[in-house]
Amino acid sequence: MARTSWVDAESNPDLDAHVEKLEHFTASLADGVITADEVKPAATTVSMQLYDIWRFGADAQFYFDIPSVGGLALKGEVVLSQDTNKDFRGAPADSCRDLKGFGWILTGSQNIGDYFGVAARFDQWNPNRDVTGTSMTCTTNAMKAANDKISTLGVGPLLYISGNLKASAIYEHLWRSSTLGLGQPTIAPNNAVPHDQFTLQLQAKF
C-alpha cells in the first residue's frame, strides 16, 4: 500500500486533509475538554470470566476390630460444587457456563494380621450435572456435561512393611464415555481417561 503524502501537488504541507480524517479527535478537542462520552475504547472480546464459587463436603468413618483377623475401616465422602458465571466488564452473565458438580467415594480396608491387608474403593465424579439454556455455549457445554461423568472401582492388596512404610498394588477399572478416551480429536493425549490402570505405590511417614 502506497504511503499517504503529507504535501500537496505543489509541495506545500497538506495538513488540513489529514486532520479532517481525525474528525472524532478534533471534535473532542473543539471545546478544550475531553468528556467520558468522547472517549470510545476499541471494541474488544472479553476473554476473562468472573464466577461465584462454593464447595461443600462431608465424610463419615467407621472402624471395627475383627477378632483374630484385624481392623476393618469403612469411609464415605460426598462433595458438592457450583461455579456461577457473573457479569464482568460489560459481558453479561451466562448461565450456560455454570458448573454444578457432584461426587462421592466409598472406601473399605481390612487388615489381615500385622503385615497384610486388602482395600477396595468405588468413586464417582460428575463435574457438571446439567446445563440449562439454549445459546451456542449451552449446546456445546450440554454435550460435554452429558459425557464427563467418570466412575472408578479400585481393588488391591496392602503390605505394611513397618510402622512408617506401606506398599500397595491397586488395579482400577473406569467407566467413562468413549469421548474421553485416547485418540479422540478433542482430547489431548495427557488428558485422555483410560478404561483400566494399575498403580504401585510406596508410602512413607516421617
C-alpha atoms as a PDB file:
ATOM      1  CA  MET A   1       0.000   0.000   0.000  1.00  0.00           C
ATOM      2  CA  ALA A   2       1.399   3.407  -1.007  1.00  0.00           C
ATOM      3  CA  ARG A   3       2.239   5.759   1.840  1.00  0.00           C
ATOM      4  CA  THR A   4      -0.029   8.839   2.116  1.00  0.00           C
ATOM      5  CA  SER A   5       1.836  12.054   1.303  1.00  0.00           C
ATOM      6  CA  TRP A   6       1.769  14.966   3.729  1.00  0.00           C
ATOM      7  CA  VAL A   7       2.279  17.527   0.936  1.00  0.00           C
ATOM      8  CA  ASP A   8       0.049  18.512  -1.956  1.00  0.00           C
ATOM      9  CA  ALA A   9       0.849  18.572  -5.672  1.00  0.00           C
ATOM     10  CA  GLU A  10       2.614  21.937  -5.274  1.00  0.00           C
ATOM     11  CA  SER A  11       4.845  20.628  -2.471  1.00  0.00           C
ATOM     12  CA  ASN A  12       3.017  22.624   0.198  1.00  0.00           C
ATOM     13  CA  PRO A  13       2.122  20.998   3.530  1.00  0.00           C
ATOM     14  CA  ASP A  14      -1.350  19.492   3.271  1.00  0.00           C
ATOM     15  CA  LEU A  15      -2.201  19.140   6.980  1.00  0.00           C
ATOM     16  CA  ASP A  16      -5.891  20.013   6.659  1.00  0.00           C
ATOM     17  CA  ALA A  17      -6.614  16.912   4.586  1.00  0.00           C
ATOM     18  CA  HIS A  18      -5.091  14.703   7.266  1.00  0.00           C
ATOM     19  CA  VAL A  19      -6.731  16.473  10.201  1.00  0.00           C
ATOM     20  CA  GLU A  20     -10.129  16.021   8.530  1.00  0.00           C
ATOM     21  CA  LYS A  21      -9.564  12.279   8.736  1.00  0.00           C
ATOM     22  CA  LEU A  22      -9.313  12.665  12.519  1.00  0.00           C
ATOM     23  CA  GLU A  23     -12.812  14.129  12.812  1.00  0.00           C
ATOM     24  CA  HIS A  24     -13.640  12.371  16.090  1.00  0.00           C
ATOM     25  CA  PHE A  25     -10.365  13.536  17.638  1.00  0.00           C
ATOM     26  CA  THR A  26     -10.720  17.161  16.514  1.00  0.00           C
ATOM     27  CA  ALA A  27     -14.357  17.263  17.650  1.00  0.00           C
ATOM     28  CA  SER A  28     -13.403  16.106  21.114  1.00  0.00           C
ATOM     29  CA  LEU A  29     -10.850  18.923  21.366  1.00  0.00           C
ATOM     30  CA  ALA A  30     -13.135  21.611  19.983  1.00  0.00           C
ATOM     31  CA  ASP A  31     -14.101  22.925  23.427  1.00  0.00           C
ATOM     32  CA  GLY A  32     -10.776  22.110  25.025  1.00  0.00           C
ATOM     33  CA  VAL A  33     -12.370  19.465  27.295  1.00  0.00           C
ATOM     34  CA  ILE A  34     -12.437  15.706  26.740  1.00  0.00           C
ATOM     35  CA  THR A  35     -15.519  14.127  28.310  1.00  0.00           C
ATOM     36  CA  ALA A  36     -16.225  10.460  29.057  1.00  0.00           C
ATOM     37  CA  ASP A  37     -18.630  10.100  26.121  1.00  0.00           C
ATOM     38  CA  GLU A  38     -15.931  11.371  23.765  1.00  0.00           C
ATOM     39  CA  VAL A  39     -13.586   8.560  24.755  1.00  0.00           C
ATOM     40  CA  LYS A  40     -14.676   5.394  22.966  1.00  0.00           C
ATOM     41  CA  PRO A  41     -12.481   2.348  23.690  1.00  0.00           C
ATOM     42  CA  ALA A  42     -11.804  -0.030  20.852  1.00  0.00           C
ATOM     43  CA  ALA A  43     -14.150  -2.984  20.678  1.00  0.00           C
ATOM     44  CA  THR A  44     -12.636  -5.985  22.421  1.00  0.00           C
ATOM     45  CA  THR A  45     -13.660  -9.529  23.184  1.00  0.00           C
ATOM     46  CA  VAL A  46     -13.798 -10.204  26.919  1.00  0.00           C
ATOM     47  CA  SER A  47     -11.798 -13.382  27.492  1.00  0.00           C
ATOM     48  CA  MET A  48     -11.760 -13.147  31.297  1.00  0.00           C
ATOM     49  CA  GLN A  49     -14.717 -14.520  33.249  1.00  0.00           C
ATOM     50  CA  LEU A  50     -15.982 -13.986  36.784  1.00  0.00           C
ATOM     51  CA  TYR A  51     -17.559 -16.730  38.907  1.00  0.00           C
ATOM     52  CA  ASP A  52     -19.132 -17.164  42.322  1.00  0.00           C
ATOM     53  CA  ILE A  53     -17.663 -20.440  43.608  1.00  0.00           C
ATOM     54  CA  TRP A  54     -18.682 -22.606  46.556  1.00  0.00           C
ATOM     55  CA  ARG A  55     -17.780 -26.099  47.707  1.00  0.00           C
ATOM     56  CA  PHE A  56     -19.347 -28.405  50.301  1.00  0.00           C
ATOM     57  CA  GLY A  57     -18.044 -31.725  51.534  1.00  0.00           C
ATOM     58  CA  ALA A  58     -18.900 -34.229  54.248  1.00  0.00           C
ATOM     59  CA  ASP A  59     -17.471 -37.568  55.317  1.00  0.00           C
ATOM     60  CA  ALA A  60     -18.162 -40.410  57.737  1.00  0.00           C
ATOM     61  CA  GLN A  61     -15.829 -43.108  59.051  1.00  0.00           C
ATOM     62  CA  PHE A  62     -16.369 -46.410  60.850  1.00  0.00           C
ATOM     63  CA  TYR A  63     -13.755 -48.662  62.462  1.00  0.00           C
ATOM     64  CA  PHE A  64     -14.154 -52.134  63.921  1.00  0.00           C
ATOM     65  CA  ASP A  65     -11.555 -54.624  65.074  1.00  0.00           C
ATOM     66  CA  ILE A  66     -12.494 -58.143  63.950  1.00  0.00           C
ATOM     67  CA  PRO A  67     -11.068 -60.669  66.414  1.00  0.00           C
ATOM     68  CA  SER A  68      -8.294 -62.917  65.044  1.00  0.00           C
ATOM     69  CA  VAL A  69      -8.330 -61.033  61.715  1.00  0.00           C
ATOM     70  CA  GLY A  70      -7.607 -57.340  62.083  1.00  0.00           C
ATOM     71  CA  GLY A  71      -9.052 -53.857  61.850  1.00  0.00           C
ATOM     72  CA  LEU A  72     -11.859 -53.025  59.428  1.00  0.00           C
ATOM     73  CA  ALA A  73     -12.211 -49.433  58.204  1.00  0.00           C
ATOM     74  CA  LEU A  74     -15.143 -48.055  56.192  1.00  0.00           C
ATOM     75  CA  LYS A  75     -15.170 -44.493  54.918  1.00  0.00           C
ATOM     76  CA  GLY A  76     -17.600 -42.441  52.856  1.00  0.00           C
ATOM     77  CA  GLU A  77     -17.326 -38.941  51.434  1.00  0.00           C
ATOM     78  CA  VAL A  78     -19.579 -36.692  49.375  1.00  0.00           C
ATOM     79  CA  VAL A  79     -18.784 -33.351  47.699  1.00  0.00           C
ATOM     80  CA  LEU A  80     -20.968 -30.758  46.010  1.00  0.00           C
ATOM     81  CA  SER A  81     -19.694 -27.803  43.989  1.00  0.00           C
ATOM     82  CA  GLN A  82     -21.110 -24.930  41.999  1.00  0.00           C
ATOM     83  CA  ASP A  83     -19.494 -22.264  39.819  1.00  0.00           C
ATOM     84  CA  THR A  84     -21.940 -19.494  38.840  1.00  0.00           C
ATOM     85  CA  ASN A  85     -20.952 -17.229  35.968  1.00  0.00           C
ATOM     86  CA  LYS A  86     -21.331 -13.489  36.729  1.00  0.00           C
ATOM     87  CA  ASP A  87     -21.430 -10.363  34.560  1.00  0.00           C
ATOM     88  CA  PHE A  88     -17.945  -8.916  34.135  1.00  0.00           C
ATOM     89  CA  ARG A  89     -16.593  -5.843  32.299  1.00  0.00           C
ATOM     90  CA  GLY A  90     -19.621  -5.471  30.085  1.00  0.00           C
ATOM     91  CA  ALA A  91     -20.055  -9.164  29.357  1.00  0.00           C
ATOM     92  CA  PRO A  92     -23.412 -10.393  30.743  1.00  0.00           C
ATOM     93  CA  ALA A  93     -23.677 -13.443  32.980  1.00  0.00           C
ATOM     94  CA  ASP A  94     -24.238 -16.660  31.045  1.00  0.00           C
ATOM     95  CA  SER A  95     -26.000 -19.465  32.922  1.00  0.00           C
ATOM     96  CA  CYS A  96     -24.746 -21.896  30.276  1.00  0.00           C
ATOM     97  CA  ARG A  97     -21.266 -21.529  31.787  1.00  0.00           C
ATOM     98  CA  ASP A  98     -22.442 -22.544  35.257  1.00  0.00           C
ATOM     99  CA  LEU A  99     -20.946 -25.763  36.621  1.00  0.00           C
ATOM    100  CA  LYS A 100     -22.758 -27.987  39.146  1.00  0.00           C
ATOM    101  CA  GLY A 101     -20.507 -30.800  40.311  1.00  0.00           C
ATOM    102  CA  PHE A 102     -21.291 -33.841  42.434  1.00  0.00           C
ATOM    103  CA  GLY A 103     -19.040 -36.658  43.596  1.00  0.00           C
ATOM    104  CA  TRP A 104     -18.798 -39.391  46.207  1.00  0.00           C
ATOM    105  CA  ILE A 105     -16.370 -42.048  47.456  1.00  0.00           C
ATOM    106  CA  LEU A 106     -16.828 -45.305  49.365  1.00  0.00           C
ATOM    107  CA  THR A 107     -13.678 -46.972  50.726  1.00  0.00           C
ATOM    108  CA  GLY A 108     -13.165 -50.159  52.701  1.00  0.00           C
ATOM    109  CA  SER A 109      -9.976 -51.742  54.001  1.00  0.00           C
ATOM    110  CA  GLN A 110      -9.448 -54.903  56.022  1.00  0.00           C
ATOM    111  CA  ASN A 111      -6.204 -55.650  57.791  1.00  0.00           C
ATOM    112  CA  ILE A 112      -5.144 -59.292  57.894  1.00  0.00           C
ATOM    113  CA  GLY A 113      -2.721 -59.791  60.742  1.00  0.00           C
ATOM    114  CA  ASP A 114       0.041 -57.285  61.345  1.00  0.00           C
ATOM    115  CA  TYR A 115       1.528 -57.026  57.862  1.00  0.00           C
ATOM    116  CA  PHE A 116      -1.154 -57.576  55.226  1.00  0.00           C
ATOM    117  CA  GLY A 117      -4.450 -56.085  54.172  1.00  0.00           C
ATOM    118  CA  VAL A 118      -6.839 -55.606  51.273  1.00  0.00           C
ATOM    119  CA  ALA A 119      -8.582 -52.444  50.124  1.00  0.00           C
ATOM    120  CA  ALA A 120     -11.462 -51.555  47.789  1.00  0.00           C
ATOM    121  CA  ARG A 121     -12.789 -48.209  46.663  1.00  0.00           C
ATOM    122  CA  PHE A 122     -15.632 -47.051  44.447  1.00  0.00           C
ATOM    123  CA  ASP A 123     -15.954 -43.406  43.492  1.00  0.00           C
ATOM    124  CA  GLN A 124     -17.867 -41.286  41.029  1.00  0.00           C
ATOM    125  CA  TRP A 125     -17.307 -37.700  39.880  1.00  0.00           C
ATOM    126  CA  ASN A 126     -19.683 -35.687  37.706  1.00  0.00           C
ATOM    127  CA  PRO A 127     -18.156 -32.218  37.154  1.00  0.00           C
ATOM    128  CA  ASN A 128     -21.283 -30.796  35.525  1.00  0.00           C
ATOM    129  CA  ARG A 129     -24.635 -32.434  36.278  1.00  0.00           C
ATOM    130  CA  ASP A 130     -26.797 -30.334  33.964  1.00  0.00           C
ATOM    131  CA  VAL A 131     -26.792 -27.323  31.655  1.00  0.00           C
ATOM    132  CA  THR A 132     -29.778 -25.032  31.120  1.00  0.00           C
ATOM    133  CA  GLY A 133     -30.348 -22.567  28.290  1.00  0.00           C
ATOM    134  CA  THR A 134     -30.425 -22.511  24.502  1.00  0.00           C
ATOM    135  CA  SER A 135     -27.369 -20.500  23.384  1.00  0.00           C
ATOM    136  CA  MET A 136     -24.495 -21.920  21.349  1.00  0.00           C
ATOM    137  CA  THR A 137     -22.457 -22.065  24.554  1.00  0.00           C
ATOM    138  CA  CYS A 138     -25.249 -24.128  26.135  1.00  0.00           C
ATOM    139  CA  THR A 139     -25.277 -26.586  23.253  1.00  0.00           C
ATOM    140  CA  THR A 140     -21.523 -27.156  23.495  1.00  0.00           C
ATOM    141  CA  ASN A 141     -21.477 -27.381  27.287  1.00  0.00           C
ATOM    142  CA  ALA A 142     -24.539 -29.653  27.351  1.00  0.00           C
ATOM    143  CA  MET A 143     -22.712 -32.132  25.105  1.00  0.00           C
ATOM    144  CA  LYS A 144     -19.714 -32.062  27.457  1.00  0.00           C
ATOM    145  CA  ALA A 145     -21.925 -32.424  30.550  1.00  0.00           C
ATOM    146  CA  ALA A 146     -23.609 -35.486  29.071  1.00  0.00           C
ATOM    147  CA  ASN A 147     -20.256 -37.278  28.714  1.00  0.00           C
ATOM    148  CA  ASP A 148     -17.982 -36.136  31.546  1.00  0.00           C
ATOM    149  CA  LYS A 149     -19.073 -38.432  34.400  1.00  0.00           C
ATOM    150  CA  ILE A 150     -16.420 -40.963  35.497  1.00  0.00           C
ATOM    151  CA  SER A 151     -16.926 -43.934  37.840  1.00  0.00           C
ATOM    152  CA  THR A 152     -13.961 -45.899  39.191  1.00  0.00           C
ATOM    153  CA  LEU A 153     -13.615 -49.209  41.028  1.00  0.00           C
ATOM    154  CA  GLY A 154     -10.254 -49.981  42.593  1.00  0.00           C
ATOM    155  CA  VAL A 155      -9.108 -53.094  44.486  1.00  0.00           C
ATOM    156  CA  GLY A 156      -5.756 -54.431  45.642  1.00  0.00           C
ATOM    157  CA  PRO A 157      -3.535 -55.776  48.417  1.00  0.00           C
ATOM    158  CA  LEU A 158      -1.725 -53.776  51.091  1.00  0.00           C
ATOM    159  CA  LEU A 159       1.631 -54.526  52.699  1.00  0.00           C
ATOM    160  CA  TYR A 160       2.618 -52.895  55.999  1.00  0.00           C
ATOM    161  CA  ILE A 161       6.392 -53.066  55.870  1.00  0.00           C
ATOM    162  CA  SER A 162       6.821 -51.155  59.121  1.00  0.00           C
ATOM    163  CA  GLY A 163       5.014 -48.596  61.215  1.00  0.00           C
ATOM    164  CA  ASN A 164       6.166 -45.866  58.839  1.00  0.00           C
ATOM    165  CA  LEU A 165       6.197 -47.669  55.499  1.00  0.00           C
ATOM    166  CA  LYS A 166       3.284 -49.093  53.486  1.00  0.00           C
ATOM    167  CA  ALA A 167       3.094 -50.515  49.953  1.00  0.00           C
ATOM    168  CA  SER A 168       0.035 -51.115  47.763  1.00  0.00           C
ATOM    169  CA  ALA A 169      -0.770 -52.522  44.324  1.00  0.00           C
ATOM    170  CA  ILE A 170      -4.126 -51.220  43.095  1.00  0.00           C
ATOM    171  CA  TYR A 171      -5.989 -52.189  39.926  1.00  0.00           C
ATOM    172  CA  GLU A 172      -8.666 -49.746  38.767  1.00  0.00           C
ATOM    173  CA  HIS A 173     -11.424 -50.083  36.196  1.00  0.00           C
ATOM    174  CA  LEU A 174     -13.038 -46.865  34.956  1.00  0.00           C
ATOM    175  CA  TRP A 175     -16.469 -46.398  33.421  1.00  0.00           C
ATOM    176  CA  ARG A 176     -16.488 -43.304  31.226  1.00  0.00           C
ATOM    177  CA  SER A 177     -17.766 -42.021  27.895  1.00  0.00           C
ATOM    178  CA  SER A 178     -15.820 -43.041  24.800  1.00  0.00           C
ATOM    179  CA  THR A 179     -15.492 -39.315  24.035  1.00  0.00           C
ATOM    180  CA  LEU A 180     -12.926 -39.063  26.873  1.00  0.00           C
ATOM    181  CA  GLY A 181     -10.672 -41.816  25.559  1.00  0.00           C
ATOM    182  CA  LEU A 182      -7.305 -41.680  23.858  1.00  0.00           C
ATOM    183  CA  GLY A 183      -7.492 -40.817  20.156  1.00  0.00           C
ATOM    184  CA  GLN A 184     -10.492 -38.504  20.379  1.00  0.00           C
ATOM    185  CA  PRO A 185      -9.918 -35.274  18.396  1.00  0.00           C
ATOM    186  CA  THR A 186     -10.974 -33.032  21.307  1.00  0.00           C
ATOM    187  CA  ILE A 187      -8.891 -34.792  23.971  1.00  0.00           C
ATOM    188  CA  ALA A 188      -5.162 -34.189  24.412  1.00  0.00           C
ATOM    189  CA  PRO A 189      -3.218 -37.446  24.978  1.00  0.00           C
ATOM    190  CA  ASN A 190      -2.228 -36.409  28.519  1.00  0.00           C
ATOM    191  CA  ASN A 191      -5.891 -35.699  29.366  1.00  0.00           C
ATOM    192  CA  ALA A 192      -7.318 -38.953  27.998  1.00  0.00           C
ATOM    193  CA  VAL A 193      -9.078 -41.179  30.550  1.00  0.00           C
ATOM    194  CA  PRO A 194      -8.152 -44.900  30.375  1.00  0.00           C
ATOM    195  CA  HIS A 195     -10.515 -47.825  30.935  1.00  0.00           C
ATOM    196  CA  ASP A 196      -8.046 -49.688  33.150  1.00  0.00           C
ATOM    197  CA  GLN A 197      -4.955 -48.743  35.115  1.00  0.00           C
ATOM    198  CA  PHE A 198      -2.596 -50.340  37.619  1.00  0.00           C
ATOM    199  CA  THR A 199      -0.758 -48.376  40.314  1.00  0.00           C
ATOM    200  CA  LEU A 200       2.139 -49.467  42.510  1.00  0.00           C
ATOM    201  CA  GLN A 201       2.601 -47.160  45.480  1.00  0.00           C
ATOM    202  CA  LEU A 202       5.041 -46.865  48.358  1.00  0.00           C
ATOM    203  CA  GLN A 203       4.096 -44.538  51.210  1.00  0.00           C
ATOM    204  CA  ALA A 204       6.492 -43.350  53.887  1.00  0.00           C
ATOM    205  CA  LYS A 205       5.560 -41.447  57.047  1.00  0.00           C
ATOM    206  CA  PHE A 206       8.143 -39.129  58.564  1.00  0.00           C
END
